[in-house]
Every structure is written in C-alpha cells, then in structure tokens.
Amino acid sequence: MYRLIVSDLDGTLLRDDNTLSEYTKSIIHKVSQQGIEFMLATGRIFGGAKGYAKELNLDTPILSCNGALIKGTDGTVIYGKHIEPSPLTEVFHLLQGKELYFHFYGEENFYTRKLTDYMSRFYDLNKKLEEQERFPIIEVDPFEVAGKDSIYKVLAHCGTEEHERNELYELLKAVPGISVTSSWSNTFDICADQVNKGIAIERYAAEKGINPSEILCFGDNFNDLEMIQYAGMGVAVENAVTLVKETANYVTLSNNEDGVAKAIEKLILS
C-alpha cells in the first residue's frame, strides 16, 4: 500500500506548455481522497511551484531547489540548506570566467546577473501567478549577494557539445561544498553538498513513519535519480533521459500523455 507519491514538475507532471491536464488533476484528487499524500519535488524556486500545489489542492510541503529548501504551502520553512558563501563565490568566479549565463535562487528571490531574452520564459511563468504569489526577479551583481542572502541553487547554462558539458561538470565537481546535477540537457543545477531530492524525501518519510516501500516517485532527469532509487517504486516518464529509464522500476507514458496520472491509475486505482 502506497502512502506517499512524489513527482517532479517540469518534463514529468507538467506538459510541455507548463500546464496540468484536467485528467491529471482528477487522478491526484482521487488518491488524495484515499489518504495518500501527493508531494511536488522540483528544481524550481519555491515561488515557481506553489501555484501548482494550489491548483492541485495540496497541503503537503513543497521540495524546491532539488530539496535544498522545503517549505509548507503557506510559506513556512521546514528545512533549508543553502550554499555556503565561499563555495558559492568560487562557483560564480568559475561561471563568469567562462562567460556562461546563470541565475540563482534565494528563499524568495530569483536573481540573475543579466536580464536576457532567455529570461522571458521565467517572466511569462511568473505573470501567470496571482500577483501576491509572484516571486521577485532581480538583476544583481552575484558577488554582492553571496553572504547576504541564503542561496539554495545556482542554475548554469552550458554548451550542448558533450566535451563542453563534461569539462564544466568536472570543474564544478571539484569545488568543495557543493553538489552538481542536471535537470535539462544544457544546464547544471548547483546546490550545497548532500542535497538531492532523495535525501529530502527520506527525511520527510522518516518523520512521518513512511517506509521506502510505501513511496512512489516520478521523474525524468538526472536530478530525479536519487528519489527514483530511494522509492519502493520509481517511475520514469517515456521522455526521461536514458539513465533514469534504466534506473526506474517502471516506465510510463510521456509527460504530454499524462504519464504520471496513467501510472497512478494503473498501480494504485485499478
């Protein structure tokens, strides 16, 4: 019997247009009525996820920034592990030295070194939120933020060439005090060491007395691997990267085909 379902957002629960289908919402409502908790675990800033929790009528905590920051739907901080100023500054120097675009997340603020055309995606997402729920998007010198605001995640863009990605990955991995993963083909997610979705879920489950065998997790990318491995049933959507599909216990339909909802219906509601 499953007691907890955890799903990634982008590329997993959400369709490519960043929406939830009515079918998916109805299935999540059904399992919630059965007393099964449904939780969101995302690489996004908390403010970029809470609107979906509201749309799904969830009262479970949101695991944002890959589990570095866990907050209740009311905004109460349950757990947080920020990147320490020294490794954060080293990461900023490394990325700026390579002239790579990056942005980074505080508890409430979305920071960027420079407002670019790429930022239009985040502006559009932010505008869809109710005014009181929007998160501030701030252009700032990153070195002025380090040590003044707690930073939970840095998202760095890199080239799509494999050798460029591998080189940057090795350089980032060598920085002490951080962890590195990926949520898109051309980005790296940088958090404090010992931060990932699997650790965050394990912490929550222990407090609730939930065993791994009672947990169902859904994901599509490398930042979902640890929770896929931790769960009693790890499920990959069809559009997931190869390693996630190979690691998962089960592969469902794609995010655009309601893969999460279809799997819940098959594994729990049928």
C-alpha atoms as a PDB file:
ATOM      1  CA  MET A   1       0.000   0.000   0.000  1.00  0.00           C
ATOM      2  CA  TYR A   2       1.448   3.351  -1.020  1.00  0.00           C
ATOM      3  CA  ARG A   3       1.277   6.243   1.446  1.00  0.00           C
ATOM      4  CA  LEU A   4       3.292   8.871  -0.420  1.00  0.00           C
ATOM      5  CA  ILE A   5       3.540   9.853  -4.084  1.00  0.00           C
ATOM      6  CA  VAL A   6       6.244  12.323  -5.129  1.00  0.00           C
ATOM      7  CA  SER A   7       6.511  13.876  -8.573  1.00  0.00           C
ATOM      8  CA  ASP A   8       8.905  16.152 -10.364  1.00  0.00           C
ATOM      9  CA  LEU A   9       7.245  19.040 -12.230  1.00  0.00           C
ATOM     10  CA  ASP A  10       8.970  20.032 -15.481  1.00  0.00           C
ATOM     11  CA  GLY A  11       9.093  17.262 -18.036  1.00  0.00           C
ATOM     12  CA  THR A  12       7.216  14.904 -15.699  1.00  0.00           C
ATOM     13  CA  LEU A  13       3.932  16.076 -14.196  1.00  0.00           C
ATOM     14  CA  LEU A  14       3.613  19.189 -16.365  1.00  0.00           C
ATOM     15  CA  ARG A  15       3.011  19.103 -20.085  1.00  0.00           C
ATOM     16  CA  ASP A  16       5.462  20.960 -22.309  1.00  0.00           C
ATOM     17  CA  ASP A  17       3.250  24.050 -22.142  1.00  0.00           C
ATOM     18  CA  ASN A  18       3.651  24.074 -18.318  1.00  0.00           C
ATOM     19  CA  THR A  19       0.032  23.085 -17.695  1.00  0.00           C
ATOM     20  CA  LEU A  20      -1.736  20.270 -15.854  1.00  0.00           C
ATOM     21  CA  SER A  21      -4.482  18.371 -17.645  1.00  0.00           C
ATOM     22  CA  GLU A  22      -7.894  18.030 -16.037  1.00  0.00           C
ATOM     23  CA  TYR A  23      -7.407  14.263 -16.131  1.00  0.00           C
ATOM     24  CA  THR A  24      -4.173  14.504 -14.145  1.00  0.00           C
ATOM     25  CA  LYS A  25      -5.809  16.800 -11.595  1.00  0.00           C
ATOM     26  CA  SER A  26      -8.738  14.372 -11.185  1.00  0.00           C
ATOM     27  CA  ILE A  27      -6.428  11.385 -10.595  1.00  0.00           C
ATOM     28  CA  ILE A  28      -4.391  13.248  -7.973  1.00  0.00           C
ATOM     29  CA  HIS A  29      -7.625  14.293  -6.288  1.00  0.00           C
ATOM     30  CA  LYS A  30      -8.739  10.641  -6.181  1.00  0.00           C
ATOM     31  CA  VAL A  31      -5.572   9.377  -4.487  1.00  0.00           C
ATOM     32  CA  SER A  32      -5.656  12.289  -2.039  1.00  0.00           C
ATOM     33  CA  GLN A  33      -9.192  11.286  -1.094  1.00  0.00           C
ATOM     34  CA  GLN A  34      -7.826   7.822  -0.296  1.00  0.00           C
ATOM     35  CA  GLY A  35      -5.451   9.357   2.249  1.00  0.00           C
ATOM     36  CA  ILE A  36      -2.336   9.040   0.060  1.00  0.00           C
ATOM     37  CA  GLU A  37      -0.112  12.105   0.246  1.00  0.00           C
ATOM     38  CA  PHE A  38       0.969  13.723  -3.028  1.00  0.00           C
ATOM     39  CA  MET A  39       4.075  15.898  -2.986  1.00  0.00           C
ATOM     40  CA  LEU A  40       5.914  18.062  -5.528  1.00  0.00           C
ATOM     41  CA  ALA A  41       9.721  17.815  -5.757  1.00  0.00           C
ATOM     42  CA  THR A  42      11.262  20.274  -8.183  1.00  0.00           C
ATOM     43  CA  GLY A  43      14.411  22.102  -9.128  1.00  0.00           C
ATOM     44  CA  ARG A  44      12.377  25.301  -9.318  1.00  0.00           C
ATOM     45  CA  ILE A  45      12.369  28.138  -6.843  1.00  0.00           C
ATOM     46  CA  PHE A  46       9.564  27.691  -4.283  1.00  0.00           C
ATOM     47  CA  GLY A  47       7.540  30.519  -5.838  1.00  0.00           C
ATOM     48  CA  GLY A  48       7.617  28.761  -9.205  1.00  0.00           C
ATOM     49  CA  ALA A  49       5.991  25.636  -7.756  1.00  0.00           C
ATOM     50  CA  LYS A  50       3.460  26.789  -5.177  1.00  0.00           C
ATOM     51  CA  GLY A  51       0.902  27.792  -7.819  1.00  0.00           C
ATOM     52  CA  TYR A  52       0.722  24.179  -8.978  1.00  0.00           C
ATOM     53  CA  ALA A  53       0.331  22.951  -5.394  1.00  0.00           C
ATOM     54  CA  LYS A  54      -2.595  25.340  -5.056  1.00  0.00           C
ATOM     55  CA  GLU A  55      -4.093  24.186  -8.356  1.00  0.00           C
ATOM     56  CA  LEU A  56      -3.897  20.584  -7.115  1.00  0.00           C
ATOM     57  CA  ASN A  57      -5.269  21.485  -3.656  1.00  0.00           C
ATOM     58  CA  LEU A  58      -2.173  20.029  -1.968  1.00  0.00           C
ATOM     59  CA  ASP A  59      -1.284  20.710   1.646  1.00  0.00           C
ATOM     60  CA  THR A  60       1.958  18.704   1.638  1.00  0.00           C
ATOM     61  CA  PRO A  61       5.322  20.515   1.778  1.00  0.00           C
ATOM     62  CA  ILE A  62       6.989  21.521  -1.489  1.00  0.00           C
ATOM     63  CA  LEU A  63      10.535  20.266  -2.085  1.00  0.00           C
ATOM     64  CA  SER A  64      12.065  23.133  -4.068  1.00  0.00           C
ATOM     65  CA  CYS A  65      15.619  23.713  -5.351  1.00  0.00           C
ATOM     66  CA  ASN A  66      16.099  19.929  -5.627  1.00  0.00           C
ATOM     67  CA  GLY A  67      15.317  19.520  -1.920  1.00  0.00           C
ATOM     68  CA  ALA A  68      17.615  22.264  -0.638  1.00  0.00           C
ATOM     69  CA  LEU A  69      14.587  24.248   0.542  1.00  0.00           C
ATOM     70  CA  ILE A  70      11.426  22.626   1.856  1.00  0.00           C
ATOM     71  CA  LYS A  71       8.503  24.868   2.674  1.00  0.00           C
ATOM     72  CA  GLY A  72       4.878  24.369   3.576  1.00  0.00           C
ATOM     73  CA  THR A  73       2.311  25.639   1.099  1.00  0.00           C
ATOM     74  CA  ASP A  74       1.822  28.595   3.467  1.00  0.00           C
ATOM     75  CA  GLY A  75       5.491  29.538   3.028  1.00  0.00           C
ATOM     76  CA  THR A  76       6.713  28.204   6.381  1.00  0.00           C
ATOM     77  CA  VAL A  77      10.308  26.953   6.122  1.00  0.00           C
ATOM     78  CA  ILE A  78      10.551  23.318   7.188  1.00  0.00           C
ATOM     79  CA  TYR A  79      14.140  22.683   6.126  1.00  0.00           C
ATOM     80  CA  GLY A  80      16.831  24.598   4.317  1.00  0.00           C
ATOM     81  CA  LYS A  81      20.450  24.024   3.359  1.00  0.00           C
ATOM     82  CA  HIS A  82      21.997  26.914   1.446  1.00  0.00           C
ATOM     83  CA  ILE A  83      25.319  27.038  -0.368  1.00  0.00           C
ATOM     84  CA  GLU A  84      27.997  28.479   1.896  1.00  0.00           C
ATOM     85  CA  PRO A  85      29.468  31.843   0.764  1.00  0.00           C
ATOM     86  CA  SER A  86      32.958  30.502  -0.026  1.00  0.00           C
ATOM     87  CA  PRO A  87      31.965  27.738  -2.485  1.00  0.00           C
ATOM     88  CA  LEU A  88      29.197  29.968  -3.863  1.00  0.00           C
ATOM     89  CA  THR A  89      31.739  32.690  -4.672  1.00  0.00           C
ATOM     90  CA  GLU A  90      34.040  30.109  -6.271  1.00  0.00           C
ATOM     91  CA  VAL A  91      31.180  28.889  -8.464  1.00  0.00           C
ATOM     92  CA  PHE A  92      30.348  32.464  -9.504  1.00  0.00           C
ATOM     93  CA  HIS A  93      34.000  33.118 -10.438  1.00  0.00           C
ATOM     94  CA  LEU A  94      34.161  29.893 -12.450  1.00  0.00           C
ATOM     95  CA  LEU A  95      30.965  30.593 -14.397  1.00  0.00           C
ATOM     96  CA  GLN A  96      31.761  34.243 -15.054  1.00  0.00           C
ATOM     97  CA  GLY A  97      35.276  33.329 -16.141  1.00  0.00           C
ATOM     98  CA  LYS A  98      33.768  31.089 -18.815  1.00  0.00           C
ATOM     99  CA  GLU A  99      31.218  33.794 -19.727  1.00  0.00           C
ATOM    100  CA  LEU A 100      28.307  31.437 -19.056  1.00  0.00           C
ATOM    101  CA  TYR A 101      24.787  32.583 -18.269  1.00  0.00           C
ATOM    102  CA  PHE A 102      23.498  31.620 -14.827  1.00  0.00           C
ATOM    103  CA  HIS A 103      20.823  32.588 -12.345  1.00  0.00           C
ATOM    104  CA  PHE A 104      20.318  31.641  -8.704  1.00  0.00           C
ATOM    105  CA  TYR A 105      17.595  31.279  -6.090  1.00  0.00           C
ATOM    106  CA  GLY A 106      17.213  32.683  -2.599  1.00  0.00           C
ATOM    107  CA  GLU A 107      14.302  31.723  -0.391  1.00  0.00           C
ATOM    108  CA  GLU A 108      12.041  34.266  -2.100  1.00  0.00           C
ATOM    109  CA  ASN A 109      14.135  35.982  -4.784  1.00  0.00           C
ATOM    110  CA  PHE A 110      15.121  34.884  -8.262  1.00  0.00           C
ATOM    111  CA  TYR A 111      18.480  36.526  -9.057  1.00  0.00           C
ATOM    112  CA  THR A 112      20.132  36.967 -12.426  1.00  0.00           C
ATOM    113  CA  ARG A 113      23.434  38.544 -13.389  1.00  0.00           C
ATOM    114  CA  LYS A 114      21.873  39.988 -16.534  1.00  0.00           C
ATOM    115  CA  LEU A 115      18.344  40.159 -17.887  1.00  0.00           C
ATOM    116  CA  THR A 116      18.402  38.299 -21.212  1.00  0.00           C
ATOM    117  CA  ASP A 117      15.921  37.043 -23.801  1.00  0.00           C
ATOM    118  CA  TYR A 118      16.093  33.665 -22.057  1.00  0.00           C
ATOM    119  CA  MET A 119      14.511  35.309 -19.018  1.00  0.00           C
ATOM    120  CA  SER A 120      11.249  35.822 -20.931  1.00  0.00           C
ATOM    121  CA  ARG A 121      10.268  32.231 -20.048  1.00  0.00           C
ATOM    122  CA  PHE A 122      10.502  32.983 -16.338  1.00  0.00           C
ATOM    123  CA  TYR A 123       8.717  36.314 -16.707  1.00  0.00           C
ATOM    124  CA  ASP A 124       5.876  34.553 -18.525  1.00  0.00           C
ATOM    125  CA  LEU A 125       5.635  31.865 -15.852  1.00  0.00           C
ATOM    126  CA  ASN A 126       5.701  34.495 -13.121  1.00  0.00           C
ATOM    127  CA  LYS A 127       2.983  36.606 -14.751  1.00  0.00           C
ATOM    128  CA  LYS A 128       0.620  33.627 -14.720  1.00  0.00           C
ATOM    129  CA  LEU A 129       0.763  33.551 -10.915  1.00  0.00           C
ATOM    130  CA  GLU A 130      -1.599  35.626  -8.835  1.00  0.00           C
ATOM    131  CA  GLU A 131       0.033  38.970  -8.044  1.00  0.00           C
ATOM    132  CA  GLN A 132       0.584  38.197  -4.360  1.00  0.00           C
ATOM    133  CA  GLU A 133       2.260  34.879  -5.267  1.00  0.00           C
ATOM    134  CA  ARG A 134       4.804  36.184  -7.785  1.00  0.00           C
ATOM    135  CA  PHE A 135       8.486  35.933  -6.913  1.00  0.00           C
ATOM    136  CA  PRO A 136      10.823  38.910  -7.402  1.00  0.00           C
ATOM    137  CA  ILE A 137      13.186  38.643 -10.397  1.00  0.00           C
ATOM    138  CA  ILE A 138      16.223  40.785  -9.634  1.00  0.00           C
ATOM    139  CA  GLU A 139      19.218  41.784 -11.774  1.00  0.00           C
ATOM    140  CA  VAL A 140      22.228  41.927  -9.475  1.00  0.00           C
ATOM    141  CA  ASP A 141      25.981  41.536  -9.190  1.00  0.00           C
ATOM    142  CA  PRO A 142      26.198  37.961  -7.852  1.00  0.00           C
ATOM    143  CA  PHE A 143      29.151  38.750  -5.615  1.00  0.00           C
ATOM    144  CA  GLU A 144      27.023  41.322  -3.782  1.00  0.00           C
ATOM    145  CA  VAL A 145      24.515  38.591  -2.882  1.00  0.00           C
ATOM    146  CA  ALA A 146      26.956  35.921  -1.656  1.00  0.00           C
ATOM    147  CA  GLY A 147      26.932  36.055   2.133  1.00  0.00           C
ATOM    148  CA  LYS A 148      23.974  38.469   2.279  1.00  0.00           C
ATOM    149  CA  ASP A 149      21.145  36.186   1.157  1.00  0.00           C
ATOM    150  CA  SER A 150      20.936  32.421   1.543  1.00  0.00           C
ATOM    151  CA  ILE A 151      21.294  30.906  -1.940  1.00  0.00           C
ATOM    152  CA  TYR A 152      19.837  27.436  -2.371  1.00  0.00           C
ATOM    153  CA  LYS A 153      20.539  26.755  -6.034  1.00  0.00           C
ATOM    154  CA  VAL A 154      22.530  28.080  -8.980  1.00  0.00           C
ATOM    155  CA  LEU A 155      21.378  27.116 -12.473  1.00  0.00           C
ATOM    156  CA  ALA A 156      24.188  27.384 -15.016  1.00  0.00           C
ATOM    157  CA  HIS A 157      23.826  27.171 -18.786  1.00  0.00           C
ATOM    158  CA  CYS A 158      26.480  25.450 -20.816  1.00  0.00           C
ATOM    159  CA  GLY A 159      27.072  24.339 -24.382  1.00  0.00           C
ATOM    160  CA  THR A 160      25.290  21.330 -25.812  1.00  0.00           C
ATOM    161  CA  GLU A 161      28.540  19.743 -27.009  1.00  0.00           C
ATOM    162  CA  GLU A 162      29.367  16.730 -24.847  1.00  0.00           C
ATOM    163  CA  HIS A 163      33.002  17.718 -24.299  1.00  0.00           C
ATOM    164  CA  GLU A 164      31.936  21.204 -23.131  1.00  0.00           C
ATOM    165  CA  ARG A 165      29.447  19.735 -20.674  1.00  0.00           C
ATOM    166  CA  ASN A 166      31.928  17.189 -19.371  1.00  0.00           C
ATOM    167  CA  GLU A 167      34.618  19.824 -18.874  1.00  0.00           C
ATOM    168  CA  LEU A 168      32.291  22.135 -16.938  1.00  0.00           C
ATOM    169  CA  TYR A 169      30.916  19.253 -14.885  1.00  0.00           C
ATOM    170  CA  GLU A 170      34.397  18.210 -13.777  1.00  0.00           C
ATOM    171  CA  LEU A 171      35.329  21.792 -12.864  1.00  0.00           C
ATOM    172  CA  LEU A 172      32.164  22.251 -10.824  1.00  0.00           C
ATOM    173  CA  LYS A 173      32.544  18.876  -9.100  1.00  0.00           C
ATOM    174  CA  ALA A 174      35.979  19.931  -7.923  1.00  0.00           C
ATOM    175  CA  VAL A 175      34.526  22.826  -5.919  1.00  0.00           C
ATOM    176  CA  PRO A 176      34.228  21.680  -2.273  1.00  0.00           C
ATOM    177  CA  GLY A 177      30.906  22.107  -0.501  1.00  0.00           C
ATOM    178  CA  ILE A 178      28.584  21.737  -3.479  1.00  0.00           C
ATOM    179  CA  SER A 179      26.647  19.064  -5.353  1.00  0.00           C
ATOM    180  CA  VAL A 180      26.081  19.105  -9.117  1.00  0.00           C
ATOM    181  CA  THR A 181      23.302  17.547 -11.167  1.00  0.00           C
ATOM    182  CA  SER A 182      21.295  18.355 -14.272  1.00  0.00           C
ATOM    183  CA  SER A 183      17.626  18.992 -14.987  1.00  0.00           C
ATOM    184  CA  TRP A 184      17.913  19.941 -18.681  1.00  0.00           C
ATOM    185  CA  SER A 185      20.255  18.950 -21.488  1.00  0.00           C
ATOM    186  CA  ASN A 186      22.093  22.295 -21.474  1.00  0.00           C
ATOM    187  CA  THR A 187      22.134  23.211 -17.778  1.00  0.00           C
ATOM    188  CA  PHE A 188      23.657  22.226 -14.452  1.00  0.00           C
ATOM    189  CA  ASP A 189      21.947  22.539 -11.068  1.00  0.00           C
ATOM    190  CA  ILE A 190      24.378  23.509  -8.302  1.00  0.00           C
ATOM    191  CA  CYS A 191      23.321  23.122  -4.657  1.00  0.00           C
ATOM    192  CA  ALA A 192      25.021  22.583  -1.316  1.00  0.00           C
ATOM    193  CA  ASP A 193      26.676  19.226  -0.748  1.00  0.00           C
ATOM    194  CA  GLN A 194      24.432  16.403   0.432  1.00  0.00           C
ATOM    195  CA  VAL A 195      21.406  17.974  -1.246  1.00  0.00           C
ATOM    196  CA  ASN A 196      19.175  15.991  -3.576  1.00  0.00           C
ATOM    197  CA  LYS A 197      15.527  15.013  -3.856  1.00  0.00           C
ATOM    198  CA  GLY A 198      16.149  11.522  -2.488  1.00  0.00           C
ATOM    199  CA  ILE A 199      17.676  12.812   0.754  1.00  0.00           C
ATOM    200  CA  ALA A 200      14.836  15.312   1.157  1.00  0.00           C
ATOM    201  CA  ILE A 201      12.170  12.648   0.700  1.00  0.00           C
ATOM    202  CA  GLU A 202      13.977  10.263   3.052  1.00  0.00           C
ATOM    203  CA  ARG A 203      13.992  12.979   5.731  1.00  0.00           C
ATOM    204  CA  TYR A 204      10.273  13.678   5.302  1.00  0.00           C
ATOM    205  CA  ALA A 205       9.358   9.986   5.206  1.00  0.00           C
ATOM    206  CA  ALA A 206      11.306   9.254   8.405  1.00  0.00           C
ATOM    207  CA  GLU A 207       9.418  11.979  10.254  1.00  0.00           C
ATOM    208  CA  LYS A 208       6.103  10.546   9.055  1.00  0.00           C
ATOM    209  CA  GLY A 209       6.999   6.911   9.650  1.00  0.00           C
ATOM    210  CA  ILE A 210       6.731   6.079   5.953  1.00  0.00           C
ATOM    211  CA  ASN A 211       8.866   3.238   4.607  1.00  0.00           C
ATOM    212  CA  PRO A 212      10.537   3.415   1.155  1.00  0.00           C
ATOM    213  CA  SER A 213       8.309   0.516   0.039  1.00  0.00           C
ATOM    214  CA  GLU A 214       5.314   2.810   0.621  1.00  0.00           C
ATOM    215  CA  ILE A 215       6.651   5.556  -1.677  1.00  0.00           C
ATOM    216  CA  LEU A 216       6.055   6.071  -5.395  1.00  0.00           C
ATOM    217  CA  CYS A 217       8.296   8.614  -7.190  1.00  0.00           C
ATOM    218  CA  PHE A 218       8.122  10.047 -10.719  1.00  0.00           C
ATOM    219  CA  GLY A 219      10.885  11.799 -12.660  1.00  0.00           C
ATOM    220  CA  ASP A 220      12.525  12.481 -15.991  1.00  0.00           C
ATOM    221  CA  ASN A 221      16.044  13.835 -15.489  1.00  0.00           C
ATOM    222  CA  PHE A 222      19.300  13.389 -13.618  1.00  0.00           C
ATOM    223  CA  ASN A 223      18.144  15.470 -10.638  1.00  0.00           C
ATOM    224  CA  ASP A 224      15.411  12.841 -10.111  1.00  0.00           C
ATOM    225  CA  LEU A 225      17.748   9.842  -9.952  1.00  0.00           C
ATOM    226  CA  GLU A 226      18.206   9.694  -6.169  1.00  0.00           C
ATOM    227  CA  MET A 227      14.483   9.770  -5.431  1.00  0.00           C
ATOM    228  CA  ILE A 228      13.801   7.194  -8.155  1.00  0.00           C
ATOM    229  CA  GLN A 229      16.388   4.951  -6.488  1.00  0.00           C
ATOM    230  CA  TYR A 230      15.088   5.588  -2.961  1.00  0.00           C
ATOM    231  CA  ALA A 231      11.415   4.909  -3.638  1.00  0.00           C
ATOM    232  CA  GLY A 232       9.920   1.451  -3.410  1.00  0.00           C
ATOM    233  CA  MET A 233       8.516   2.148  -6.859  1.00  0.00           C
ATOM    234  CA  GLY A 234      10.489   4.549  -9.041  1.00  0.00           C
ATOM    235  CA  VAL A 235       8.727   5.518 -12.263  1.00  0.00           C
ATOM    236  CA  ALA A 236      10.187   7.293 -15.294  1.00  0.00           C
ATOM    237  CA  VAL A 237       8.130   9.051 -17.930  1.00  0.00           C
ATOM    238  CA  GLU A 238       8.779   7.953 -21.505  1.00  0.00           C
ATOM    239  CA  ASN A 239      10.553  11.225 -22.332  1.00  0.00           C
ATOM    240  CA  ALA A 240      13.040  10.736 -19.471  1.00  0.00           C
ATOM    241  CA  VAL A 241      16.774  10.542 -20.080  1.00  0.00           C
ATOM    242  CA  THR A 242      18.056   7.019 -20.678  1.00  0.00           C
ATOM    243  CA  LEU A 243      19.715   6.583 -17.275  1.00  0.00           C
ATOM    244  CA  VAL A 244      16.512   7.462 -15.417  1.00  0.00           C
ATOM    245  CA  LYS A 245      14.516   4.976 -17.505  1.00  0.00           C
ATOM    246  CA  GLU A 246      17.142   2.282 -16.898  1.00  0.00           C
ATOM    247  CA  THR A 247      17.091   3.002 -13.136  1.00  0.00           C
ATOM    248  CA  ALA A 248      13.316   3.096 -12.758  1.00  0.00           C
ATOM    249  CA  ASN A 249      11.168   0.104 -11.837  1.00  0.00           C
ATOM    250  CA  TYR A 250       8.576   1.120 -14.383  1.00  0.00           C
ATOM    251  CA  VAL A 251       8.334   3.410 -17.436  1.00  0.00           C
ATOM    252  CA  THR A 252       5.035   5.170 -18.080  1.00  0.00           C
ATOM    253  CA  LEU A 253       3.798   7.380 -20.925  1.00  0.00           C
ATOM    254  CA  SER A 254       5.355  10.781 -21.591  1.00  0.00           C
ATOM    255  CA  ASN A 255       4.601  13.999 -19.736  1.00  0.00           C
ATOM    256  CA  ASN A 256       2.436  15.132 -22.664  1.00  0.00           C
ATOM    257  CA  GLU A 257       0.378  11.933 -22.429  1.00  0.00           C
ATOM    258  CA  ASP A 258      -0.473  12.184 -18.701  1.00  0.00           C
ATOM    259  CA  GLY A 259       2.150   9.585 -17.880  1.00  0.00           C
ATOM    260  CA  VAL A 260       2.092  10.257 -14.119  1.00  0.00           C
ATOM    261  CA  ALA A 261      -1.689  10.021 -13.891  1.00  0.00           C
ATOM    262  CA  LYS A 262      -1.821   6.920 -16.094  1.00  0.00           C
ATOM    263  CA  ALA A 263       0.718   5.149 -13.891  1.00  0.00           C
ATOM    264  CA  ILE A 264      -1.113   6.119 -10.680  1.00  0.00           C
ATOM    265  CA  GLU A 265      -4.332   4.805 -12.179  1.00  0.00           C
ATOM    266  CA  LYS A 266      -2.666   1.514 -13.100  1.00  0.00           C
ATOM    267  CA  LEU A 267      -0.556   0.992  -9.981  1.00  0.00           C
ATOM    268  CA  ILE A 268      -2.956   2.297  -7.321  1.00  0.00           C
ATOM    269  CA  LEU A 269      -6.508   2.913  -8.543  1.00  0.00           C
ATOM    270  CA  SER A 270      -7.124  -0.096 -10.779  1.00  0.00           C
END
